[in-house]
PDB file of N, CA and C in Angstrom:
ATOM      1  N   MET A   1     -42.622 -47.707   2.983  1.00  0.00           N
ATOM      2  CA  MET A   1     -41.846 -48.718   3.635  1.00  0.00           C
ATOM      3  C   MET A   1     -41.244 -49.637   2.572  1.00  0.00           C
ATOM      4  N   MET A   2     -39.970 -49.967   2.718  1.00  0.00           N
ATOM      5  CA  MET A   2     -39.314 -50.864   1.788  1.00  0.00           C
ATOM      6  C   MET A   2     -39.585 -52.298   2.197  1.00  0.00           C
ATOM      7  N   LYS A   3     -39.810 -53.137   1.226  1.00  0.00           N
ATOM      8  CA  LYS A   3     -40.043 -54.571   1.487  1.00  0.00           C
ATOM      9  C   LYS A   3     -38.891 -55.382   0.895  1.00  0.00           C
ATOM     10  N   ALA A   4     -38.742 -56.567   1.391  1.00  0.00           N
ATOM     11  CA  ALA A   4     -37.701 -57.466   0.904  1.00  0.00           C
ATOM     12  C   ALA A   4     -37.947 -57.814  -0.556  1.00  0.00           C
ATOM     13  N   THR A   5     -36.847 -57.916  -1.309  1.00  0.00           N
ATOM     14  CA  THR A   5     -36.937 -58.303  -2.704  1.00  0.00           C
ATOM     15  C   THR A   5     -36.618 -59.791  -2.828  1.00  0.00           C
ATOM     16  N   GLN A   6     -36.712 -60.319  -4.026  1.00  0.00           N
ATOM     17  CA  GLN A   6     -36.427 -61.733  -4.256  1.00  0.00           C
ATOM     18  C   GLN A   6     -35.032 -62.122  -3.788  1.00  0.00           C
ATOM     19  N   GLU A   7     -34.050 -61.230  -3.979  1.00  0.00           N
ATOM     20  CA  GLU A   7     -32.688 -61.583  -3.580  1.00  0.00           C
ATOM     21  C   GLU A   7     -32.509 -61.555  -2.072  1.00  0.00           C
ATOM     22  N   ASN A   8     -33.409 -60.924  -1.370  1.00  0.00           N
ATOM     23  CA  ASN A   8     -33.334 -60.861   0.079  1.00  0.00           C
ATOM     24  C   ASN A   8     -34.165 -61.989   0.672  1.00  0.00           C
ATOM     25  N   ALA A   9     -33.581 -62.719   1.578  1.00  0.00           N
ATOM     26  CA  ALA A   9     -34.221 -63.920   2.125  1.00  0.00           C
ATOM     27  C   ALA A   9     -34.981 -63.618   3.406  1.00  0.00           C
ATOM     28  N   THR A  10     -36.277 -63.917   3.399  1.00  0.00           N
ATOM     29  CA  THR A  10     -37.040 -63.806   4.642  1.00  0.00           C
ATOM     30  C   THR A  10     -36.872 -65.129   5.390  1.00  0.00           C
ATOM     31  N   LYS A  11     -37.040 -65.060   6.685  1.00  0.00           N
ATOM     32  CA  LYS A  11     -36.891 -66.237   7.555  1.00  0.00           C
ATOM     33  C   LYS A  11     -38.221 -66.573   8.185  1.00  0.00           C
ATOM     34  N   LYS A  12     -38.315 -67.773   8.720  1.00  0.00           N
ATOM     35  CA  LYS A  12     -39.537 -68.196   9.396  1.00  0.00           C
ATOM     36  C   LYS A  12     -39.739 -67.402  10.668  1.00  0.00           C
ATOM     37  N   ASN A  13     -40.993 -67.327  11.117  1.00  0.00           N
ATOM     38  CA  ASN A  13     -41.311 -66.690  12.390  1.00  0.00           C
ATOM     39  C   ASN A  13     -41.074 -67.728  13.474  1.00  0.00           C
ATOM     40  N   LEU A  14     -39.896 -67.727  14.054  1.00  0.00           N
ATOM     41  CA  LEU A  14     -39.517 -68.707  15.071  1.00  0.00           C
ATOM     42  C   LEU A  14     -40.016 -68.325  16.469  1.00  0.00           C
ATOM     43  N   VAL A  15     -40.367 -67.066  16.649  1.00  0.00           N
ATOM     44  CA  VAL A  15     -40.751 -66.571  17.968  1.00  0.00           C
ATOM     45  C   VAL A  15     -42.252 -66.681  18.208  1.00  0.00           C
ATOM     46  N   ASN A  16     -43.055 -66.515  17.169  1.00  0.00           N
ATOM     47  CA  ASN A  16     -44.517 -66.612  17.255  1.00  0.00           C
ATOM     48  C   ASN A  16     -45.109 -65.797  18.423  1.00  0.00           C
ATOM     49  N   ARG A  17     -44.681 -64.554  18.536  1.00  0.00           N
ATOM     50  CA  ARG A  17     -45.160 -63.612  19.553  1.00  0.00           C
ATOM     51  C   ARG A  17     -44.858 -64.020  20.975  1.00  0.00           C
ATOM     52  N   GLN A  18     -44.008 -65.008  21.165  1.00  0.00           N
ATOM     53  CA  GLN A  18     -43.571 -65.411  22.504  1.00  0.00           C
ATOM     54  C   GLN A  18     -42.267 -64.652  22.837  1.00  0.00           C
ATOM     55  N   PHE A  19     -42.413 -63.339  22.946  1.00  0.00           N
ATOM     56  CA  PHE A  19     -41.243 -62.487  23.130  1.00  0.00           C
ATOM     57  C   PHE A  19     -40.609 -62.658  24.507  1.00  0.00           C
ATOM     58  N   ASP A  20     -41.444 -62.812  25.542  1.00  0.00           N
ATOM     59  CA  ASP A  20     -40.915 -63.003  26.899  1.00  0.00           C
ATOM     60  C   ASP A  20     -40.921 -64.482  27.215  1.00  0.00           C
ATOM     61  N   GLN A  21     -39.774 -65.111  27.056  1.00  0.00           N
ATOM     62  CA  GLN A  21     -39.656 -66.534  27.347  1.00  0.00           C
ATOM     63  C   GLN A  21     -39.099 -66.786  28.749  1.00  0.00           C
ATOM     64  N   GLY A  22     -39.093 -65.715  29.560  1.00  0.00           N
ATOM     65  CA  GLY A  22     -38.642 -65.836  30.939  1.00  0.00           C
ATOM     66  C   GLY A  22     -37.145 -65.895  31.122  1.00  0.00           C
ATOM     67  N   ILE A  23     -36.422 -65.732  30.046  1.00  0.00           N
ATOM     68  CA  ILE A  23     -34.960 -65.799  30.095  1.00  0.00           C
ATOM     69  C   ILE A  23     -34.389 -64.542  29.423  1.00  0.00           C
ATOM     70  N   PRO A  24     -33.778 -63.647  30.223  1.00  0.00           N
ATOM     71  CA  PRO A  24     -33.175 -62.458  29.623  1.00  0.00           C
ATOM     72  C   PRO A  24     -32.127 -62.828  28.558  1.00  0.00           C
ATOM     73  N   TYR A  25     -32.027 -62.020  27.556  1.00  0.00           N
ATOM     74  CA  TYR A  25     -31.044 -62.148  26.473  1.00  0.00           C
ATOM     75  C   TYR A  25     -31.261 -63.376  25.608  1.00  0.00           C
ATOM     76  N   LYS A  26     -32.492 -63.893  25.567  1.00  0.00           N
ATOM     77  CA  LYS A  26     -32.807 -65.038  24.696  1.00  0.00           C
ATOM     78  C   LYS A  26     -33.505 -64.567  23.431  1.00  0.00           C
ATOM     79  N   VAL A  27     -34.493 -63.683  23.553  1.00  0.00           N
ATOM     80  CA  VAL A  27     -35.233 -63.165  22.402  1.00  0.00           C
ATOM     81  C   VAL A  27     -35.023 -61.656  22.343  1.00  0.00           C
ATOM     82  N   PHE A  28     -34.565 -61.207  21.187  1.00  0.00           N
ATOM     83  CA  PHE A  28     -34.364 -59.775  20.942  1.00  0.00           C
ATOM     84  C   PHE A  28     -35.333 -59.321  19.867  1.00  0.00           C
ATOM     85  N   LEU A  29     -35.814 -58.110  20.008  1.00  0.00           N
ATOM     86  CA  LEU A  29     -36.707 -57.501  19.028  1.00  0.00           C
ATOM     87  C   LEU A  29     -35.988 -56.281  18.470  1.00  0.00           C
ATOM     88  N   THR A  30     -36.076 -56.093  17.159  1.00  0.00           N
ATOM     89  CA  THR A  30     -35.373 -54.966  16.554  1.00  0.00           C
ATOM     90  C   THR A  30     -36.257 -54.260  15.532  1.00  0.00           C
ATOM     91  N   ASP A  31     -36.065 -52.965  15.423  1.00  0.00           N
ATOM     92  CA  ASP A  31     -36.789 -52.160  14.444  1.00  0.00           C
ATOM     93  C   ASP A  31     -36.064 -50.828  14.277  1.00  0.00           C
ATOM     94  N   ILE A  32     -36.514 -50.096  13.280  1.00  0.00           N
ATOM     95  CA  ILE A  32     -35.967 -48.753  13.000  1.00  0.00           C
ATOM     96  C   ILE A  32     -37.103 -47.759  13.203  1.00  0.00           C
ATOM     97  N   THR A  33     -36.798 -46.690  13.941  1.00  0.00           N
ATOM     98  CA  THR A  33     -37.768 -45.616  14.161  1.00  0.00           C
ATOM     99  C   THR A  33     -37.324 -44.386  13.374  1.00  0.00           C
ATOM    100  N   TYR A  34     -38.258 -43.756  12.672  1.00  0.00           N
ATOM    101  CA  TYR A  34     -37.988 -42.551  11.893  1.00  0.00           C
ATOM    102  C   TYR A  34     -38.309 -41.341  12.757  1.00  0.00           C
ATOM    103  N   LEU A  35     -37.364 -40.420  12.895  1.00  0.00           N
ATOM    104  CA  LEU A  35     -37.530 -39.259  13.764  1.00  0.00           C
ATOM    105  C   LEU A  35     -37.399 -37.973  12.950  1.00  0.00           C
ATOM    106  N   PRO A  36     -38.494 -37.217  12.793  1.00  0.00           N
ATOM    107  CA  PRO A  36     -38.401 -35.963  12.054  1.00  0.00           C
ATOM    108  C   PRO A  36     -37.723 -34.886  12.918  1.00  0.00           C
ATOM    109  N   TYR A  37     -36.970 -34.028  12.256  1.00  0.00           N
ATOM    110  CA  TYR A  37     -36.370 -32.889  12.950  1.00  0.00           C
ATOM    111  C   TYR A  37     -36.108 -31.769  11.938  1.00  0.00           C
ATOM    112  N   GLY A  38     -35.871 -30.567  12.433  1.00  0.00           N
ATOM    113  CA  GLY A  38     -35.542 -29.451  11.574  1.00  0.00           C
ATOM    114  C   GLY A  38     -36.605 -29.188  10.528  1.00  0.00           C
ATOM    115  N   SER A  39     -36.180 -28.800   9.345  1.00  0.00           N
ATOM    116  CA  SER A  39     -37.087 -28.483   8.233  1.00  0.00           C
ATOM    117  C   SER A  39     -37.165 -29.666   7.299  1.00  0.00           C
ATOM    118  N   GLY A  40     -37.998 -30.621   7.638  1.00  0.00           N
ATOM    119  CA  GLY A  40     -38.188 -31.786   6.772  1.00  0.00           C
ATOM    120  C   GLY A  40     -37.053 -32.779   6.776  1.00  0.00           C
ATOM    121  N   GLN A  41     -36.226 -32.749   7.769  1.00  0.00           N
ATOM    122  CA  GLN A  41     -35.111 -33.688   7.837  1.00  0.00           C
ATOM    123  C   GLN A  41     -35.515 -34.897   8.695  1.00  0.00           C
ATOM    124  N   TRP A  42     -34.776 -35.982   8.518  1.00  0.00           N
ATOM    125  CA  TRP A  42     -35.065 -37.221   9.250  1.00  0.00           C
ATOM    126  C   TRP A  42     -33.811 -37.773   9.874  1.00  0.00           C
ATOM    127  N   ALA A  43     -33.992 -38.349  11.051  1.00  0.00           N
ATOM    128  CA  ALA A  43     -32.939 -39.132  11.703  1.00  0.00           C
ATOM    129  C   ALA A  43     -33.544 -40.507  11.941  1.00  0.00           C
ATOM    130  N   TYR A  44     -32.691 -41.486  12.173  1.00  0.00           N
ATOM    131  CA  TYR A  44     -33.144 -42.875  12.278  1.00  0.00           C
ATOM    132  C   TYR A  44     -32.505 -43.532  13.509  1.00  0.00           C
ATOM    133  N   LEU A  45     -33.331 -44.202  14.269  1.00  0.00           N
ATOM    134  CA  LEU A  45     -32.883 -44.908  15.449  1.00  0.00           C
ATOM    135  C   LEU A  45     -33.133 -46.389  15.258  1.00  0.00           C
ATOM    136  N   SER A  46     -32.071 -47.160  15.249  1.00  0.00           N
ATOM    137  CA  SER A  46     -32.155 -48.616  15.188  1.00  0.00           C
ATOM    138  C   SER A  46     -31.931 -49.115  16.612  1.00  0.00           C
ATOM    139  N   ALA A  47     -32.872 -49.906  17.106  1.00  0.00           N
ATOM    140  CA  ALA A  47     -32.755 -50.364  18.493  1.00  0.00           C
ATOM    141  C   ALA A  47     -33.022 -51.870  18.585  1.00  0.00           C
ATOM    142  N   VAL A  48     -32.434 -52.464  19.620  1.00  0.00           N
ATOM    143  CA  VAL A  48     -32.657 -53.874  19.933  1.00  0.00           C
ATOM    144  C   VAL A  48     -33.141 -53.932  21.380  1.00  0.00           C
ATOM    145  N   LYS A  49     -34.273 -54.569  21.579  1.00  0.00           N
ATOM    146  CA  LYS A  49     -34.912 -54.694  22.896  1.00  0.00           C
ATOM    147  C   LYS A  49     -34.906 -56.138  23.356  1.00  0.00           C
ATOM    148  N   ASP A  50     -34.611 -56.365  24.622  1.00  0.00           N
ATOM    149  CA  ASP A  50     -34.689 -57.703  25.193  1.00  0.00           C
ATOM    150  C   ASP A  50     -36.156 -58.035  25.448  1.00  0.00           C
ATOM    151  N   GLY A  51     -36.624 -59.133  24.889  1.00  0.00           N
ATOM    152  CA  GLY A  51     -38.029 -59.501  25.022  1.00  0.00           C
ATOM    153  C   GLY A  51     -38.460 -59.846  26.438  1.00  0.00           C
ATOM    154  N   ALA A  52     -37.539 -60.291  27.291  1.00  0.00           N
ATOM    155  CA  ALA A  52     -37.897 -60.667  28.657  1.00  0.00           C
ATOM    156  C   ALA A  52     -37.916 -59.483  29.614  1.00  0.00           C
ATOM    157  N   THR A  53     -36.949 -58.575  29.472  1.00  0.00           N
ATOM    158  CA  THR A  53     -36.826 -57.472  30.425  1.00  0.00           C
ATOM    159  C   THR A  53     -37.354 -56.144  29.905  1.00  0.00           C
ATOM    160  N   GLY A  54     -37.491 -56.022  28.571  1.00  0.00           N
ATOM    161  CA  GLY A  54     -37.893 -54.745  27.984  1.00  0.00           C
ATOM    162  C   GLY A  54     -36.738 -53.758  27.862  1.00  0.00           C
ATOM    163  N   GLU A  55     -35.560 -54.164  28.269  1.00  0.00           N
ATOM    164  CA  GLU A  55     -34.403 -53.295  28.221  1.00  0.00           C
ATOM    165  C   GLU A  55     -33.919 -53.095  26.787  1.00  0.00           C
ATOM    166  N   ILE A  56     -33.554 -51.862  26.425  1.00  0.00           N
ATOM    167  CA  ILE A  56     -32.889 -51.593  25.157  1.00  0.00           C
ATOM    168  C   ILE A  56     -31.431 -51.970  25.377  1.00  0.00           C
ATOM    169  N   VAL A  57     -30.987 -53.012  24.688  1.00  0.00           N
ATOM    170  CA  VAL A  57     -29.632 -53.534  24.917  1.00  0.00           C
ATOM    171  C   VAL A  57     -28.612 -53.045  23.885  1.00  0.00           C
ATOM    172  N   ALA A  58     -29.104 -52.507  22.780  1.00  0.00           N
ATOM    173  CA  ALA A  58     -28.218 -51.963  21.764  1.00  0.00           C
ATOM    174  C   ALA A  58     -29.010 -50.972  20.915  1.00  0.00           C
ATOM    175  N   HIS A  59     -28.312 -49.923  20.465  1.00  0.00           N
ATOM    176  CA  HIS A  59     -28.968 -48.968  19.574  1.00  0.00           C
ATOM    177  C   HIS A  59     -27.907 -48.192  18.787  1.00  0.00           C
ATOM    178  N   HIS A  60     -28.351 -47.651  17.677  1.00  0.00           N
ATOM    179  CA  HIS A  60     -27.487 -46.788  16.871  1.00  0.00           C
ATOM    180  C   HIS A  60     -28.363 -45.721  16.238  1.00  0.00           C
ATOM    181  N   PHE A  61     -27.873 -44.517  16.203  1.00  0.00           N
ATOM    182  CA  PHE A  61     -28.598 -43.349  15.708  1.00  0.00           C
ATOM    183  C   PHE A  61     -27.854 -42.806  14.493  1.00  0.00           C
ATOM    184  N   SER A  62     -28.593 -42.431  13.438  1.00  0.00           N
ATOM    185  CA  SER A  62     -27.944 -41.934  12.226  1.00  0.00           C
ATOM    186  C   SER A  62     -28.891 -41.017  11.464  1.00  0.00           C
ATOM    187  N   THR A  63     -28.317 -40.183  10.604  1.00  0.00           N
ATOM    188  CA  THR A  63     -29.131 -39.376   9.695  1.00  0.00           C
ATOM    189  C   THR A  63     -29.228 -40.066   8.325  1.00  0.00           C
ATOM    190  N   SER A  64     -28.740 -41.283   8.257  1.00  0.00           N
ATOM    191  CA  SER A  64     -28.791 -42.049   7.009  1.00  0.00           C
ATOM    192  C   SER A  64     -29.469 -43.394   7.251  1.00  0.00           C
ATOM    193  N   LEU A  65     -30.254 -43.838   6.285  1.00  0.00           N
ATOM    194  CA  LEU A  65     -30.917 -45.150   6.366  1.00  0.00           C
ATOM    195  C   LEU A  65     -30.079 -46.239   5.688  1.00  0.00           C
ATOM    196  N   LYS A  66     -28.822 -45.962   5.421  1.00  0.00           N
ATOM    197  CA  LYS A  66     -27.965 -46.965   4.795  1.00  0.00           C
ATOM    198  C   LYS A  66     -27.809 -48.169   5.720  1.00  0.00           C
ATOM    199  N   MET A  67     -27.381 -49.273   5.158  1.00  0.00           N
ATOM    200  CA  MET A  67     -27.256 -50.534   5.885  1.00  0.00           C
ATOM    201  C   MET A  67     -26.377 -50.446   7.124  1.00  0.00           C
ATOM    202  N   ASN A  68     -25.453 -49.504   7.119  1.00  0.00           N
ATOM    203  CA  ASN A  68     -24.566 -49.348   8.280  1.00  0.00           C
ATOM    204  C   ASN A  68     -25.359 -49.108   9.572  1.00  0.00           C
ATOM    205  N   LEU A  69     -26.534 -48.509   9.456  1.00  0.00           N
ATOM    206  CA  LEU A  69     -27.384 -48.280  10.621  1.00  0.00           C
ATOM    207  C   LEU A  69     -27.665 -49.578  11.384  1.00  0.00           C
ATOM    208  N   VAL A  70     -28.068 -50.622  10.690  1.00  0.00           N
ATOM    209  CA  VAL A  70     -28.365 -51.889  11.359  1.00  0.00           C
ATOM    210  C   VAL A  70     -27.089 -52.702  11.643  1.00  0.00           C
ATOM    211  N   TYR A  71     -26.071 -52.541  10.820  1.00  0.00           N
ATOM    212  CA  TYR A  71     -24.811 -53.244  11.085  1.00  0.00           C
ATOM    213  C   TYR A  71     -24.208 -52.765  12.411  1.00  0.00           C
ATOM    214  N   GLU A  72     -24.197 -51.451  12.601  1.00  0.00           N
ATOM    215  CA  GLU A  72     -23.652 -50.888  13.849  1.00  0.00           C
ATOM    216  C   GLU A  72     -24.449 -51.351  15.061  1.00  0.00           C
ATOM    217  N   THR A  73     -25.767 -51.401  14.921  1.00  0.00           N
ATOM    218  CA  THR A  73     -26.624 -51.873  16.017  1.00  0.00           C
ATOM    219  C   THR A  73     -26.316 -53.324  16.341  1.00  0.00           C
ATOM    220  N   LEU A  74     -26.201 -54.148  15.312  1.00  0.00           N
ATOM    221  CA  LEU A  74     -25.919 -55.567  15.519  1.00  0.00           C
ATOM    222  C   LEU A  74     -24.534 -55.779  16.133  1.00  0.00           C
ATOM    223  N   ASP A  75     -23.549 -54.984  15.710  1.00  0.00           N
ATOM    224  CA  ASP A  75     -22.223 -55.071  16.312  1.00  0.00           C
ATOM    225  C   ASP A  75     -22.285 -54.731  17.799  1.00  0.00           C
ATOM    226  N   LYS A  76     -23.079 -53.730  18.165  1.00  0.00           N
ATOM    227  CA  LYS A  76     -23.219 -53.365  19.580  1.00  0.00           C
ATOM    228  C   LYS A  76     -23.915 -54.490  20.362  1.00  0.00           C
ATOM    229  N   LEU A  77     -24.913 -55.111  19.759  1.00  0.00           N
ATOM    230  CA  LEU A  77     -25.581 -56.246  20.418  1.00  0.00           C
ATOM    231  C   LEU A  77     -24.591 -57.384  20.620  1.00  0.00           C
ATOM    232  N   ASN A  78     -23.808 -57.681  19.610  1.00  0.00           N
ATOM    233  CA  ASN A  78     -22.818 -58.770  19.734  1.00  0.00           C
ATOM    234  C   ASN A  78     -21.808 -58.481  20.845  1.00  0.00           C
ATOM    235  N   ASN A  79     -21.444 -57.213  21.015  1.00  0.00           N
ATOM    236  CA  ASN A  79     -20.539 -56.848  22.107  1.00  0.00           C
ATOM    237  C   ASN A  79     -21.186 -57.089  23.488  1.00  0.00           C
ATOM    238  N   VAL A  80     -22.504 -56.907  23.577  1.00  0.00           N
ATOM    239  CA  VAL A  80     -23.219 -57.155  24.823  1.00  0.00           C
ATOM    240  C   VAL A  80     -23.247 -58.645  25.165  1.00  0.00           C
ATOM    241  N   ILE A  81     -23.491 -59.489  24.168  1.00  0.00           N
ATOM    242  CA  ILE A  81     -23.696 -60.919  24.437  1.00  0.00           C
ATOM    243  C   ILE A  81     -22.456 -61.791  24.260  1.00  0.00           C
ATOM    244  N   LYS A  82     -21.356 -61.226  23.792  1.00  0.00           N
ATOM    245  CA  LYS A  82     -20.183 -62.048  23.426  1.00  0.00           C
ATOM    246  C   LYS A  82     -19.595 -62.857  24.573  1.00  0.00           C
ATOM    247  N   ASP A  83     -19.651 -62.340  25.809  1.00  0.00           N
ATOM    248  CA  ASP A  83     -19.071 -63.058  26.932  1.00  0.00           C
ATOM    249  C   ASP A  83     -20.111 -63.801  27.770  1.00  0.00           C
ATOM    250  N   MET A  84     -21.344 -63.833  27.321  1.00  0.00           N
ATOM    251  CA  MET A  84     -22.399 -64.545  28.029  1.00  0.00           C
ATOM    252  C   MET A  84     -22.355 -66.029  27.683  1.00  0.00           C
ATOM    253  N   PRO A  85     -22.883 -66.873  28.574  1.00  0.00           N
ATOM    254  CA  PRO A  85     -22.927 -68.313  28.267  1.00  0.00           C
ATOM    255  C   PRO A  85     -23.645 -68.576  26.947  1.00  0.00           C
ATOM    256  N   VAL A  86     -23.193 -69.569  26.235  1.00  0.00           N
ATOM    257  CA  VAL A  86     -23.781 -69.930  24.939  1.00  0.00           C
ATOM    258  C   VAL A  86     -25.179 -70.465  25.172  1.00  0.00           C
ATOM    259  N   MET A  87     -26.155 -69.980  24.410  1.00  0.00           N
ATOM    260  CA  MET A  87     -27.526 -70.464  24.430  1.00  0.00           C
ATOM    261  C   MET A  87     -28.168 -70.096  23.105  1.00  0.00           C
ATOM    262  N   GLU A  88     -29.294 -70.699  22.788  1.00  0.00           N
ATOM    263  CA  GLU A  88     -30.023 -70.289  21.584  1.00  0.00           C
ATOM    264  C   GLU A  88     -30.566 -68.897  21.835  1.00  0.00           C
ATOM    265  N   ARG A  89     -30.284 -67.995  20.906  1.00  0.00           N
ATOM    266  CA  ARG A  89     -30.780 -66.625  20.986  1.00  0.00           C
ATOM    267  C   ARG A  89     -31.442 -66.297  19.655  1.00  0.00           C
ATOM    268  N   TYR A  90     -32.475 -65.481  19.715  1.00  0.00           N
ATOM    269  CA  TYR A  90     -33.247 -65.120  18.533  1.00  0.00           C
ATOM    270  C   TYR A  90     -33.303 -63.616  18.384  1.00  0.00           C
ATOM    271  N   ILE A  91     -33.255 -63.131  17.161  1.00  0.00           N
ATOM    272  CA  ILE A  91     -33.506 -61.736  16.877  1.00  0.00           C
ATOM    273  C   ILE A  91     -34.686 -61.676  15.947  1.00  0.00           C
ATOM    274  N   HIS A  92     -35.728 -60.978  16.361  1.00  0.00           N
ATOM    275  CA  HIS A  92     -37.003 -60.933  15.642  1.00  0.00           C
ATOM    276  C   HIS A  92     -37.198 -59.538  15.065  1.00  0.00           C
ATOM    277  N   SER A  93     -37.576 -59.495  13.796  1.00  0.00           N
ATOM    278  CA  SER A  93     -37.748 -58.227  13.107  1.00  0.00           C
ATOM    279  C   SER A  93     -38.901 -58.329  12.099  1.00  0.00           C
ATOM    280  N   ASP A  94     -39.191 -57.186  11.477  1.00  0.00           N
ATOM    281  CA  ASP A  94     -40.120 -57.235  10.349  1.00  0.00           C
ATOM    282  C   ASP A  94     -39.348 -57.747   9.128  1.00  0.00           C
ATOM    283  N   GLN A  95     -40.001 -57.764   7.965  1.00  0.00           N
ATOM    284  CA  GLN A  95     -39.359 -58.261   6.744  1.00  0.00           C
ATOM    285  C   GLN A  95     -38.818 -57.132   5.883  1.00  0.00           C
ATOM    286  N   GLY A  96     -38.496 -56.016   6.510  1.00  0.00           N
ATOM    287  CA  GLY A  96     -37.947 -54.880   5.778  1.00  0.00           C
ATOM    288  C   GLY A  96     -36.600 -55.214   5.161  1.00  0.00           C
ATOM    289  N   VAL A  97     -36.222 -54.413   4.202  1.00  0.00           N
ATOM    290  CA  VAL A  97     -35.009 -54.661   3.412  1.00  0.00           C
ATOM    291  C   VAL A  97     -33.758 -54.732   4.287  1.00  0.00           C
ATOM    292  N   HIS A  98     -33.688 -53.952   5.349  1.00  0.00           N
ATOM    293  CA  HIS A  98     -32.497 -53.985   6.197  1.00  0.00           C
ATOM    294  C   HIS A  98     -32.303 -55.367   6.837  1.00  0.00           C
ATOM    295  N   TYR A  99     -33.386 -55.970   7.262  1.00  0.00           N
ATOM    296  CA  TYR A  99     -33.314 -57.226   8.021  1.00  0.00           C
ATOM    297  C   TYR A  99     -33.305 -58.469   7.141  1.00  0.00           C
ATOM    298  N   THR A 100     -33.623 -58.328   5.877  1.00  0.00           N
ATOM    299  CA  THR A 100     -33.598 -59.459   4.949  1.00  0.00           C
ATOM    300  C   THR A 100     -32.387 -59.416   4.014  1.00  0.00           C
ATOM    301  N   TYR A 101     -31.622 -58.351   4.101  1.00  0.00           N
ATOM    302  CA  TYR A 101     -30.447 -58.196   3.237  1.00  0.00           C
ATOM    303  C   TYR A 101     -29.426 -59.295   3.567  1.00  0.00           C
ATOM    304  N   PRO A 102     -28.835 -59.936   2.559  1.00  0.00           N
ATOM    305  CA  PRO A 102     -27.930 -61.068   2.783  1.00  0.00           C
ATOM    306  C   PRO A 102     -26.792 -60.799   3.755  1.00  0.00           C
ATOM    307  N   VAL A 103     -26.182 -59.646   3.688  1.00  0.00           N
ATOM    308  CA  VAL A 103     -25.035 -59.364   4.593  1.00  0.00           C
ATOM    309  C   VAL A 103     -25.533 -59.276   6.037  1.00  0.00           C
ATOM    310  N   PHE A 104     -26.696 -58.682   6.262  1.00  0.00           N
ATOM    311  CA  PHE A 104     -27.258 -58.646   7.621  1.00  0.00           C
ATOM    312  C   PHE A 104     -27.525 -60.060   8.107  1.00  0.00           C
ATOM    313  N   GLN A 105     -28.105 -60.887   7.243  1.00  0.00           N
ATOM    314  CA  GLN A 105     -28.399 -62.271   7.605  1.00  0.00           C
ATOM    315  C   GLN A 105     -27.123 -63.021   8.002  1.00  0.00           C
ATOM    316  N   GLU A 106     -26.057 -62.808   7.268  1.00  0.00           N
ATOM    317  CA  GLU A 106     -24.769 -63.454   7.586  1.00  0.00           C
ATOM    318  C   GLU A 106     -24.270 -63.019   8.946  1.00  0.00           C
ATOM    319  N   LYS A 107     -24.358 -61.708   9.211  1.00  0.00           N
ATOM    320  CA  LYS A 107     -23.908 -61.186  10.499  1.00  0.00           C
ATOM    321  C   LYS A 107     -24.742 -61.733  11.656  1.00  0.00           C
ATOM    322  N   VAL A 108     -26.027 -61.874  11.429  1.00  0.00           N
ATOM    323  CA  VAL A 108     -26.940 -62.399  12.467  1.00  0.00           C
ATOM    324  C   VAL A 108     -26.568 -63.833  12.810  1.00  0.00           C
ATOM    325  N   LEU A 109     -26.303 -64.641  11.818  1.00  0.00           N
ATOM    326  CA  LEU A 109     -26.044 -66.065  12.036  1.00  0.00           C
ATOM    327  C   LEU A 109     -24.786 -66.331  12.878  1.00  0.00           C
ATOM    328  N   TYR A 110     -23.951 -65.319  13.039  1.00  0.00           N
ATOM    329  CA  TYR A 110     -22.764 -65.492  13.853  1.00  0.00           C
ATOM    330  C   TYR A 110     -23.095 -65.859  15.307  1.00  0.00           C
ATOM    331  N   ARG A 111     -24.176 -65.256  15.863  1.00  0.00           N
ATOM    332  CA  ARG A 111     -24.538 -65.514  17.256  1.00  0.00           C
ATOM    333  C   ARG A 111     -26.036 -65.724  17.497  1.00  0.00           C
ATOM    334  N   LEU A 112     -26.872 -65.531  16.490  1.00  0.00           N
ATOM    335  CA  LEU A 112     -28.317 -65.483  16.685  1.00  0.00           C
ATOM    336  C   LEU A 112     -29.056 -66.273  15.636  1.00  0.00           C
ATOM    337  N   HIS A 113     -30.320 -66.617  15.939  1.00  0.00           N
ATOM    338  CA  HIS A 113     -31.232 -67.214  14.955  1.00  0.00           C
ATOM    339  C   HIS A 113     -32.165 -66.101  14.477  1.00  0.00           C
ATOM    340  N   PRO A 114     -32.216 -65.814  13.179  1.00  0.00           N
ATOM    341  CA  PRO A 114     -33.129 -64.784  12.688  1.00  0.00           C
ATOM    342  C   PRO A 114     -34.578 -65.265  12.667  1.00  0.00           C
ATOM    343  N   SER A 115     -35.489 -64.364  12.968  1.00  0.00           N
ATOM    344  CA  SER A 115     -36.938 -64.647  12.936  1.00  0.00           C
ATOM    345  C   SER A 115     -37.629 -63.412  12.399  1.00  0.00           C
ATOM    346  N   HIS A 116     -38.576 -63.601  11.462  1.00  0.00           N
ATOM    347  CA  HIS A 116     -39.281 -62.470  10.873  1.00  0.00           C
ATOM    348  C   HIS A 116     -40.773 -62.583  11.120  1.00  0.00           C
ATOM    349  N   LEU A 117     -41.397 -61.413  11.188  1.00  0.00           N
ATOM    350  CA  LEU A 117     -42.848 -61.358  11.238  1.00  0.00           C
ATOM    351  C   LEU A 117     -43.411 -62.083  10.030  1.00  0.00           C
ATOM    352  N   ASP A 118     -44.560 -62.711  10.177  1.00  0.00           N
ATOM    353  CA  ASP A 118     -45.247 -63.306   9.033  1.00  0.00           C
ATOM    354  C   ASP A 118     -45.680 -62.213   8.081  1.00  0.00           C
ATOM    355  N   SER A 119     -45.803 -62.548   6.793  1.00  0.00           N
ATOM    356  CA  SER A 119     -46.302 -61.592   5.801  1.00  0.00           C
ATOM    357  C   SER A 119     -47.733 -61.216   6.103  1.00  0.00           C
ATOM    358  N   PHE A 120     -48.092 -60.022   5.641  1.00  0.00           N
ATOM    359  CA  PHE A 120     -49.466 -59.566   5.835  1.00  0.00           C
ATOM    360  C   PHE A 120     -50.344 -60.042   4.731  1.00  0.00           C
TER     361      PHE A 120
END
């Protein structure tokens, strides 16, 4: 597993395991799942889940772990929430390199507050 480096900024845990705050589209959870297939090949599923409803609201599938995997997922999430009433929204993730990378952080700040799991 890749971890954030010094140049990648981790964020505070703003959610504190309160994923279901009773309001749909307020807290989102995101992660990447590794899917084996064929002869030692891998595919990757980046998904965003609504903490209140459990609904997968955005996802992107790729055979590459490049940053575009999470950028595409975030773009799809932004398309889902763009016409909704303005409210504080959070996206909660681990501290992996994809979620702490500066460009991802900039994209998140457009509509969401980033929140990361505490370090182990």
